[in-house]
Amino acid sequence: MPQTPLPTPSTRATGPVEAPPAFHIMLKPRGAICNLDCAYCYFLSKESLYPDSNFRMSEELLEEYTRQYIQ
């Protein structure tokens, strides 16, 4: 039985699909601890240097960061 290839952007009846340019983003912690809690984090050993410190991103900053990221 012959197989029909799946449609690709160049073979669709409607023509090629325009895609936005690809980009990558990385948000790095600014201190010894962050809110990701990764098991492999090299910052974890420094957590004891900052007792009672809160290095979490504020809700307002997270919202603004997300808004800018998706624009």
Protein backbone atom coordinates (compact mmCIF):
# COMPACT_ATOMS: atom_id res chain seq x y z
CA MET A 1 0.00 0.00 0.00
CA PRO A 2 1.55 3.34 -0.99
CA GLN A 3 2.04 5.86 1.78
CA THR A 4 1.21 9.51 1.38
CA PRO A 5 3.68 11.87 3.06
CA LEU A 6 2.35 14.14 5.77
CA PRO A 7 1.74 17.73 4.70
CA THR A 8 4.51 20.17 5.47
CA PRO A 9 4.46 23.98 5.32
CA SER A 10 5.78 23.81 1.77
CA THR A 11 3.23 21.21 0.54
CA ARG A 12 -0.02 22.47 2.07
CA ALA A 13 -2.67 23.61 -0.36
CA THR A 14 -2.85 27.01 1.33
CA GLY A 15 0.84 27.66 0.80
CA PRO A 16 3.74 28.07 3.21
CA VAL A 17 2.98 29.08 6.77
CA GLU A 18 4.76 32.14 8.09
CA ALA A 19 6.25 31.47 11.52
CA PRO A 20 7.59 34.08 13.91
CA PRO A 21 11.36 34.10 14.33
CA ALA A 22 12.54 31.64 16.95
CA PHE A 23 14.14 32.90 20.13
CA HIS A 24 15.23 31.57 23.50
CA ILE A 25 15.16 33.16 26.90
CA MET A 26 16.73 32.21 30.18
CA LEU A 27 15.98 33.68 33.58
CA LYS A 28 18.80 33.20 36.06
CA PRO A 29 18.56 33.47 39.83
CA ARG A 30 20.02 36.66 41.22
CA GLY A 31 20.98 35.20 44.56
CA ALA A 32 21.89 32.09 46.44
CA ILE A 33 18.38 30.66 46.33
CA CYS A 34 15.42 30.90 43.97
CA ASN A 35 11.95 29.42 43.75
CA LEU A 36 12.79 26.63 41.28
CA ASP A 37 14.22 24.14 43.81
CA CYS A 38 16.37 22.22 41.30
CA ALA A 39 18.20 19.24 42.83
CA TYR A 40 21.37 19.94 40.80
CA CYS A 41 21.61 23.67 41.64
CA TYR A 42 25.12 24.83 42.57
CA PHE A 43 23.64 27.76 44.52
CA LEU A 44 22.03 25.51 47.16
CA SER A 45 25.23 25.23 49.21
CA LYS A 46 25.23 29.03 49.58
CA GLU A 47 21.70 29.17 51.01
CA SER A 48 23.09 29.16 54.56
CA LEU A 49 24.96 32.42 53.80
CA TYR A 50 21.61 34.25 53.62
CA PRO A 51 19.44 33.10 56.53
CA ASP A 52 15.90 34.49 56.61
CA SER A 53 16.29 35.97 53.13
CA ASN A 54 13.61 35.82 50.49
CA PHE A 55 14.93 35.79 46.95
CA ARG A 56 11.64 35.04 45.23
CA MET A 57 10.51 37.17 42.36
CA SER A 58 7.56 39.37 43.29
CA GLU A 59 4.18 38.64 41.70
CA GLU A 60 4.29 42.03 39.96
CA LEU A 61 7.70 41.36 38.46
CA LEU A 62 6.68 37.87 37.35
CA GLU A 63 3.59 39.27 35.67
CA GLU A 64 5.59 41.95 33.84
CA TYR A 65 8.26 39.42 32.84
CA THR A 66 5.60 37.07 31.45
CA ARG A 67 3.85 39.88 29.60
CA GLN A 68 7.10 40.97 27.94
CA TYR A 69 8.05 37.37 27.14
CA ILE A 70 4.85 36.63 25.18
CA GLN A 71 4.84 39.91 23.23
